[in-house]
Protein backbone atom coordinates (compact mmCIF):
# COMPACT_ATOMS: atom_id res chain seq x y z
CA UNK A 1 -2.89 -3.33 114.65
CA UNK A 2 -1.94 -5.63 112.42
CA UNK A 3 2.03 -6.38 111.41
CA UNK A 4 3.03 -5.74 107.94
CA UNK A 5 3.77 -8.60 105.57
CA UNK A 6 7.31 -9.51 105.29
CA UNK A 7 8.52 -9.75 101.78
CA UNK A 8 11.33 -12.60 101.47
CA UNK A 9 13.72 -12.56 98.74
CA UNK A 10 14.61 -15.88 97.39
CA UNK A 11 18.38 -16.85 98.10
CA UNK A 12 18.96 -17.76 94.43
CA UNK A 13 17.66 -14.62 93.09
CA UNK A 14 19.74 -12.58 95.83
CA UNK A 15 22.87 -14.52 94.83
CA UNK A 16 22.25 -14.00 91.01
CA UNK A 17 21.63 -10.10 91.67
CA UNK A 18 25.11 -10.11 93.75
CA UNK A 19 26.85 -11.91 90.88
CA UNK A 20 25.35 -9.62 88.27
CA UNK A 21 26.72 -6.71 90.12
CA UNK A 22 30.05 -8.04 90.87
CA UNK A 23 30.31 -8.63 86.98
CA UNK A 24 29.28 -5.30 86.03
CA UNK A 25 31.77 -3.43 88.28
CA UNK A 26 34.61 -5.88 87.54
CA UNK A 27 34.09 -6.05 83.68
CA UNK A 28 36.33 -4.45 81.20
CA UNK A 29 35.46 -1.59 79.18
CA UNK A 30 34.92 -3.40 75.99
CA UNK A 31 32.71 -5.83 77.88
CA UNK A 32 30.63 -3.24 79.08
CA UNK A 33 30.36 -1.73 75.58
CA UNK A 34 29.36 -4.95 74.27
CA UNK A 35 26.77 -5.62 77.10
CA UNK A 36 25.18 -2.20 76.16
CA UNK A 37 25.52 -2.52 72.49
CA UNK A 38 23.61 -5.92 72.11
CA UNK A 39 20.72 -4.67 74.13
CA UNK A 40 20.04 -2.31 71.17
CA UNK A 41 18.09 -4.32 68.73
CA UNK A 42 18.16 -1.77 65.87
CA UNK A 43 21.99 -1.59 66.22
CA UNK A 44 22.35 -5.39 66.28
CA UNK A 45 19.93 -5.93 63.18
CA UNK A 46 22.24 -3.06 61.34
CA UNK A 47 25.49 -4.93 62.32
CA UNK A 48 23.96 -8.05 60.96
CA UNK A 49 22.98 -6.31 57.71
CA UNK A 50 26.33 -4.45 57.48
CA UNK A 51 28.12 -8.00 58.03
CA UNK A 52 26.13 -9.45 55.19
CA UNK A 53 26.89 -6.58 52.89
CA UNK A 54 30.63 -6.87 53.72
CA UNK A 55 30.63 -10.66 53.00
CA UNK A 56 28.82 -9.93 49.68
CA UNK A 57 31.98 -7.53 48.72
CA UNK A 58 34.64 -9.59 49.98
CA UNK A 59 33.39 -12.74 48.12
CA UNK A 60 31.90 -10.91 45.07
CA UNK A 61 34.07 -12.74 42.52
CA UNK A 62 33.07 -15.99 43.61
CA UNK A 63 29.60 -14.88 43.98
CA UNK A 64 29.42 -13.34 40.64
CA UNK A 65 28.52 -15.71 37.72
CA UNK A 66 29.78 -13.39 35.26
CA UNK A 67 32.70 -10.86 34.69
CA UNK A 68 31.18 -7.43 35.71
CA UNK A 69 33.20 -5.46 33.06
CA UNK A 70 32.58 -5.45 29.14
CA UNK A 71 34.28 -8.62 28.88
CA UNK A 72 31.43 -10.49 30.44
CA UNK A 73 28.60 -8.75 28.62
CA UNK A 74 25.69 -10.96 27.17
CA UNK A 75 25.36 -9.54 23.81
CA UNK A 76 21.88 -11.50 23.36
CA UNK A 77 20.26 -10.10 26.56
CA UNK A 78 20.87 -6.15 26.64
CA UNK A 79 18.34 -4.24 28.84
CA UNK A 80 17.33 -7.51 29.81
CA UNK A 81 14.70 -7.68 33.00
CA UNK A 82 15.64 -9.82 36.01
CA UNK A 83 15.48 -13.55 35.52
CA UNK A 84 14.09 -15.04 38.76
CA UNK A 85 15.09 -18.85 39.22
CA UNK A 86 11.72 -21.08 39.80
CA UNK A 87 10.95 -24.54 41.03
CA UNK A 88 7.55 -25.06 39.22
CA UNK A 89 5.95 -23.91 36.22
CA UNK A 90 2.89 -25.12 34.01
CA UNK A 91 5.01 -28.30 32.83
CA UNK A 92 5.48 -29.09 36.64
CA UNK A 93 7.88 -28.96 39.61
CA UNK A 94 11.65 -29.75 39.81
CA UNK A 95 13.97 -30.06 42.95
CA UNK A 96 16.64 -28.07 41.06
CA UNK A 97 16.03 -24.43 40.22
CA UNK A 98 15.50 -23.43 36.58
CA UNK A 99 14.79 -20.64 33.94
CA UNK A 100 13.02 -20.79 30.83
CA UNK A 101 14.89 -20.42 27.73
CA UNK A 102 15.10 -17.23 26.03
CA UNK A 103 14.78 -17.27 22.18
CA UNK A 104 15.60 -14.27 19.82
CA UNK A 105 13.43 -13.92 16.57
CA UNK A 106 12.66 -11.08 14.11
CA UNK A 107 9.00 -10.09 13.42
CA UNK A 108 7.06 -7.65 10.99
CA UNK A 109 5.47 -5.96 14.25
CA UNK A 110 8.99 -4.66 15.18
CA UNK A 111 10.35 -3.75 11.67
CA UNK A 112 12.31 -7.07 11.80
CA UNK A 113 14.22 -5.97 14.63
CA UNK A 114 15.44 -8.86 17.14
CA UNK A 115 13.11 -9.52 19.80
CA UNK A 116 13.87 -11.76 22.79
CA UNK A 117 11.06 -14.14 23.90
CA UNK A 118 10.53 -16.60 26.61
CA UNK A 119 9.87 -20.21 25.70
CA UNK A 120 8.23 -21.83 28.83
CA UNK A 121 8.52 -25.45 27.27
CA UNK A 122 12.49 -25.36 27.31
CA UNK A 123 14.18 -25.26 30.77
CA UNK A 124 17.56 -24.19 31.83
CA UNK A 125 18.84 -25.80 34.95
CA UNK A 126 20.83 -23.77 37.78
CA UNK A 127 23.93 -25.45 38.92
CA UNK A 128 26.07 -24.82 41.79
CA UNK A 129 29.88 -24.41 42.12
CA UNK A 130 30.71 -24.09 38.53
CA UNK A 131 33.56 -23.16 36.70
CA UNK A 132 33.33 -19.72 34.64
CA UNK A 133 35.48 -16.54 34.09
CA UNK A 134 38.82 -16.48 35.81
CA UNK A 135 39.41 -13.89 38.65
CA UNK A 136 42.53 -12.97 40.80
CA UNK A 137 42.28 -12.38 44.42
CA UNK A 138 44.89 -9.56 45.85
CA UNK A 139 45.91 -8.52 42.36
CA UNK A 140 46.80 -4.64 42.26
CA UNK A 141 48.87 -2.67 39.80
CA UNK A 142 49.35 0.84 41.12
CA UNK A 143 51.39 3.38 38.71
CA UNK A 144 51.24 6.85 40.60
CA UNK A 145 53.84 9.58 39.66
CA UNK A 146 57.08 8.58 40.72
CA UNK A 147 58.63 5.12 40.64
CA UNK A 148 58.67 5.15 44.48
CA UNK A 149 54.80 4.93 44.66
CA UNK A 150 54.68 2.17 42.23
CA UNK A 151 53.69 -1.28 43.16
CA UNK A 152 52.22 -4.43 41.76
CA UNK A 153 51.05 -7.59 43.39
CA UNK A 154 50.05 -10.96 41.83
CA UNK A 155 47.42 -12.59 43.24
CA UNK A 156 45.83 -15.98 43.40
CA UNK A 157 43.61 -16.99 40.33
CA UNK A 158 40.52 -19.01 40.70
CA UNK A 159 37.44 -19.71 38.26
CA UNK A 160 34.86 -21.34 40.78
CA UNK A 161 31.62 -19.43 40.96
CA UNK A 162 28.62 -20.12 43.36
CA UNK A 163 26.10 -20.66 40.72
CA UNK A 164 25.67 -20.69 36.84
CA UNK A 165 23.27 -22.13 34.17
CA UNK A 166 23.76 -25.17 31.83
CA UNK A 167 23.19 -22.93 28.66
CA UNK A 168 22.59 -19.14 28.37
CA UNK A 169 23.06 -16.69 31.13
CA UNK A 170 21.53 -16.21 34.55
CA UNK A 171 20.80 -12.49 35.23
CA UNK A 172 18.93 -12.48 38.39
CA UNK A 173 19.31 -8.48 38.59
CA UNK A 174 19.03 -8.12 34.82
CA UNK A 175 21.40 -6.54 32.21
CA UNK A 176 22.23 -2.86 31.34
CA UNK A 177 22.24 -1.26 27.97
CA UNK A 178 25.81 -2.93 27.21
CA UNK A 179 24.49 -6.42 28.52
CA UNK A 180 26.64 -6.41 31.52
CA UNK A 181 25.31 -8.41 34.63
CA UNK A 182 23.68 -5.87 36.84
CA UNK A 183 23.99 -8.44 40.05
CA UNK A 184 27.60 -9.23 39.29
CA UNK A 185 28.56 -5.29 39.26
CA UNK A 186 26.40 -4.37 42.53
CA UNK A 187 28.36 -7.12 44.33
CA UNK A 188 31.78 -5.69 42.97
CA UNK A 189 30.42 -2.18 43.59
CA UNK A 190 29.84 -2.86 47.13
CA UNK A 191 33.39 -4.10 47.36
CA UNK A 192 35.03 -1.04 45.85
CA UNK A 193 33.00 1.41 47.75
CA UNK A 194 33.76 -0.45 50.99
CA UNK A 195 37.43 -0.47 49.85
CA UNK A 196 37.66 3.17 49.18
CA UNK A 197 36.02 3.92 52.39
CA UNK A 198 38.41 1.77 54.23
CA UNK A 199 41.39 3.14 52.70
CA UNK A 200 40.09 6.87 53.39
CA UNK A 201 39.29 6.24 56.91
CA UNK A 202 42.70 4.75 57.69
CA UNK A 203 44.38 7.44 56.05
CA UNK A 204 42.23 10.08 57.95
CA UNK A 205 42.63 8.08 61.19
CA UNK A 206 46.40 8.14 61.22
CA UNK A 207 46.57 11.93 60.26
CA UNK A 208 43.90 12.66 62.95
CA UNK A 209 45.90 10.69 65.68
CA UNK A 210 49.07 12.36 64.69
CA UNK A 211 48.27 15.79 64.29
CA UNK A 212 45.50 16.02 67.01
CA UNK A 213 47.94 14.44 69.40
CA UNK A 214 50.56 16.75 68.78
CA UNK A 215 48.27 19.67 69.03
CA UNK A 216 46.55 18.61 72.10
CA UNK A 217 49.47 17.69 74.21
CA UNK A 218 51.87 20.26 73.42
CA UNK A 219 49.35 23.34 73.02
CA UNK A 220 50.69 26.73 73.04
CA UNK A 221 51.85 28.33 69.63
CA UNK A 222 52.17 24.80 68.04
CA UNK A 223 48.45 24.04 68.67
CA UNK A 224 47.45 27.64 67.11
CA UNK A 225 49.52 26.87 64.16
CA UNK A 226 48.10 23.36 63.73
CA UNK A 227 44.53 24.77 64.26
CA UNK A 228 45.11 27.38 61.41
CA UNK A 229 46.10 24.36 59.19
CA UNK A 230 43.14 22.31 60.30
CA UNK A 231 40.73 25.33 59.50
CA UNK A 232 42.29 25.88 56.20
CA UNK A 233 41.92 22.05 55.13
CA UNK A 234 38.16 22.39 56.38
CA UNK A 235 37.34 25.26 54.16
CA UNK A 236 38.53 23.48 51.05
CA UNK A 237 35.69 23.19 48.51
CA UNK A 238 35.25 19.52 47.79
CA UNK A 239 33.67 19.83 44.19
CA UNK A 240 36.28 22.29 42.83
CA UNK A 241 39.06 20.44 44.39
CA UNK A 242 37.94 17.25 42.47
CA UNK A 243 37.25 19.24 39.31
CA UNK A 244 40.96 20.11 39.34
CA UNK A 245 41.83 16.39 40.22
CA UNK A 246 39.85 15.21 37.51
CA UNK A 247 41.59 17.21 35.03
CA UNK A 248 44.81 16.43 36.37
CA UNK A 249 44.58 12.37 36.26
CA UNK A 250 46.04 11.20 33.11
CA UNK A 251 43.80 9.11 30.78
CA UNK A 252 46.24 6.21 30.58
CA UNK A 253 45.95 5.43 34.36
CA UNK A 254 44.53 2.17 35.09
CA UNK A 255 41.36 1.56 37.04
CA UNK A 256 43.33 0.21 39.89
CA UNK A 257 45.47 3.52 39.96
CA UNK A 258 42.68 5.90 39.77
CA UNK A 259 40.89 3.98 42.46
CA UNK A 260 43.81 4.26 44.75
CA UNK A 261 44.51 7.83 44.08
CA UNK A 262 40.81 9.06 44.76
CA UNK A 263 40.94 6.94 48.10
CA UNK A 264 44.04 8.93 49.10
CA UNK A 265 42.68 12.10 48.34
CA UNK A 266 39.35 11.43 50.21
CA UNK A 267 41.54 10.31 53.18
CA UNK A 268 43.60 13.66 53.20
CA UNK A 269 40.59 15.84 53.31
CA UNK A 270 38.54 13.99 56.04
CA UNK A 271 40.98 14.23 58.97
CA UNK A 272 40.21 17.49 60.53
CA UNK A 273 36.86 16.44 62.48
CA UNK A 274 38.39 13.63 64.38
CA UNK A 275 41.88 15.45 64.83
CA UNK A 276 39.73 18.32 66.70
CA UNK A 277 38.20 15.84 68.85
CA UNK A 278 41.64 14.16 69.85
CA UNK A 279 43.01 17.46 70.35
CA UNK A 280 40.07 18.51 72.84
CA UNK A 281 40.46 15.18 74.79
CA UNK A 282 44.38 15.52 75.21
CA UNK A 283 44.01 19.12 76.34
CA UNK A 284 41.88 17.94 79.30
CA UNK A 285 43.85 14.70 79.81
CA UNK A 286 47.36 16.12 79.70
CA UNK A 287 46.72 17.90 83.21
CA UNK A 288 45.91 14.66 85.14
CA UNK A 289 48.14 13.12 87.65
CA UNK A 290 49.21 10.00 85.58
CA UNK A 291 50.66 12.13 82.89
CA UNK A 292 52.78 14.14 85.40
CA UNK A 293 53.92 10.79 86.91
CA UNK A 294 54.90 9.50 83.38
CA UNK A 295 56.92 12.74 82.76
CA UNK A 296 58.79 12.32 86.25
CA UNK A 297 59.52 9.01 85.06
CA UNK A 298 61.33 10.31 81.96
CA UNK A 299 58.81 9.13 79.35
CA UNK A 300 59.01 10.84 75.92
CA UNK A 301 55.91 12.88 74.72
CA UNK A 302 55.38 10.15 71.90
CA UNK A 303 55.34 7.56 74.63
CA UNK A 304 52.74 9.27 76.68
CA UNK A 305 50.37 9.97 73.75
CA UNK A 306 50.61 6.34 72.30
CA UNK A 307 50.59 4.41 75.46
CA UNK A 308 48.73 6.54 78.15
CA UNK A 309 46.36 9.35 76.50
CA UNK A 310 44.98 7.78 73.30
CA UNK A 311 44.16 4.36 74.89
CA UNK A 312 42.11 6.17 77.61
CA UNK A 313 39.54 7.23 74.97
CA UNK A 314 39.98 4.16 72.19
CA UNK A 315 36.33 3.39 72.22
CA UNK A 316 35.54 6.97 71.39
CA UNK A 317 37.98 6.91 68.53
CA UNK A 318 36.44 3.58 67.15
CA UNK A 319 33.02 5.36 67.42
CA UNK A 320 34.21 8.30 65.37
CA UNK A 321 35.56 6.11 62.76
CA UNK A 322 32.60 3.98 62.34
CA UNK A 323 30.27 7.05 62.04
CA UNK A 324 32.80 8.59 59.25
CA UNK A 325 32.68 5.63 57.40
CA UNK A 326 29.56 6.36 55.71
CA UNK A 327 30.54 9.85 55.05
CA UNK A 328 33.59 8.54 52.98
CA UNK A 329 31.42 6.36 51.31
CA UNK A 330 28.74 9.21 50.48
CA UNK A 331 31.71 11.13 49.19
CA UNK A 332 32.90 8.63 46.73
CA UNK A 333 29.50 7.83 45.50
CA UNK A 334 28.55 11.35 45.05
CA UNK A 335 31.98 12.22 43.29
CA UNK A 336 31.45 9.21 40.94
CA UNK A 337 28.04 10.14 40.19
CA UNK A 338 28.89 13.50 38.82
CA UNK A 339 31.66 12.15 36.88
CA UNK A 340 34.78 13.28 39.05
CA UNK A 341 35.51 10.10 41.04
CA UNK A 342 35.84 6.49 39.61
CA UNK A 343 34.70 5.69 36.14
CA UNK A 344 34.28 2.63 33.95
CA UNK A 345 35.44 0.12 34.05
CA UNK A 346 35.57 0.40 37.75
CA UNK A 347 32.23 -0.84 39.53
CA UNK A 348 31.39 1.40 42.25
CA UNK A 349 28.11 2.36 43.62
CA UNK A 350 28.58 5.95 42.45
CA UNK A 351 29.32 4.67 38.87
CA UNK A 352 26.18 2.62 38.85
CA UNK A 353 24.10 5.18 40.06
CA UNK A 354 25.23 7.41 36.82
CA UNK A 355 22.67 4.75 34.85
CA UNK A 356 19.68 5.97 36.75
CA UNK A 357 19.48 9.62 35.89
CA UNK A 358 17.33 9.06 32.56
CA UNK A 359 13.77 9.37 32.09
CA UNK A 360 13.81 6.24 29.93
CA UNK A 361 15.42 4.01 32.85
CA UNK A 362 12.88 5.34 35.18
CA UNK A 363 9.96 4.30 32.78
CA UNK A 364 11.21 1.27 31.18
CA UNK A 365 14.13 -0.33 33.08
CA UNK A 366 13.33 -0.03 36.71
CA UNK A 367 15.66 -2.88 37.51
CA UNK A 368 18.39 -0.27 37.10
CA UNK A 369 17.44 0.87 40.87
CA UNK A 370 18.42 -2.36 42.28
CA UNK A 371 21.97 -1.07 43.29
CA UNK A 372 20.44 1.87 44.75
CA UNK A 373 18.60 -0.27 47.44
CA UNK A 374 21.99 -1.82 48.43
CA UNK A 375 23.63 1.57 48.68
CA UNK A 376 20.81 2.80 51.12
CA UNK A 377 21.19 -0.48 52.99
CA UNK A 378 24.92 -0.06 53.41
CA UNK A 379 24.86 3.61 54.46
CA UNK A 380 21.92 3.13 56.79
CA UNK A 381 23.68 0.05 58.40
CA UNK A 382 26.85 2.05 59.29
CA UNK A 383 24.85 4.98 60.50
CA UNK A 384 22.87 2.58 62.93
CA UNK A 385 26.13 0.66 63.93
CA UNK A 386 27.77 4.17 64.71
CA UNK A 387 24.81 5.39 66.86
CA UNK A 388 24.74 2.10 68.61
CA UNK A 389 28.39 2.35 69.33
CA UNK A 390 28.20 6.09 70.49
CA UNK A 391 25.37 4.94 72.93
CA UNK A 392 27.26 2.12 74.29
CA UNK A 393 30.79 3.94 74.42
CA UNK A 394 30.22 5.40 77.90
CA UNK A 395 28.89 2.40 80.02
CA UNK A 396 28.73 4.28 83.14
CA UNK A 397 26.82 6.84 82.05
CA UNK A 398 23.17 5.21 82.34
CA UNK A 399 23.43 1.44 83.84
CA UNK A 400 20.94 -0.78 82.55
CA UNK A 401 18.43 -1.90 85.03
């Protein structure tokens, strides 16, 4: 009979495993969530894409070579195809990117209409950090009914842009029927949709915490009354509501005012789902010993909810907010798409999607669909980030080996 071989564990490996176990059991909740989240490659990729899109929206005026409104239209290049900068052509290569010059001519073949042709023998070079149209940052003029709701901010003025051409226009995504640059409009549309979603999420977040916290902590007849109101809000049909709102909004309202008002309405009708989750959690947590100890110490109900109950599931609240963000963006896009939300001159993804509904665009102007790609990327990035956070929100459910 032979003795079984004895397996020895290297001391370095045993020590490293012990340190990993200690780090796991002594880590904070946020550290555990981040540890699980970064192992999800899909969620990490989506987070990078989302960060990239957010940066595009935040720095849209700097990245846009032209004014996205009608003031920045190119009358000589309407429904123009995308212009891709190049480094080499039939005349040789250059270290600086360039475009070929566009020339407008009339011909008998087109009944003497203006025709834009490309002249490959003339170049237009791309320059970086150029001066162009002036834009203002943090400049808002809100004029809602009642003077108490009106406010105006004077932002900072800049005129520096990332790139531009020495002569003519640079339209890397092409232009629309009015000659407006689709690239500049797309970047500003991302910012507008993100701003509407952020404002709507903040409003629904505050309402959900207050209403759900009161309902879950006190219970009884107050809980029943609040739940009746919550169910009533959830049953409000969105489309008829916004049809009535669209008829109510005065035509003289500015684009900023319309944007602010639509954001508030979307926030006020999206709080019931999160409020129910907060209520359910508080109904369970309010019977625990630490809540009774806080009550015996004389703590008020607002203090117990704010300092003890809500922080106990902060990670789940964050996950719910991230998951609800794309649905609010979808709401704004859908309402603007059917003409009940934002309208020109506001640049939003829903407003731009209105231009792709005709058969003429589908057959002849396919570059109108470029904003659709950014819209899909934005929504999918939020969805995958939300799914990754939801899986990582409970680090003790399944420990990674």
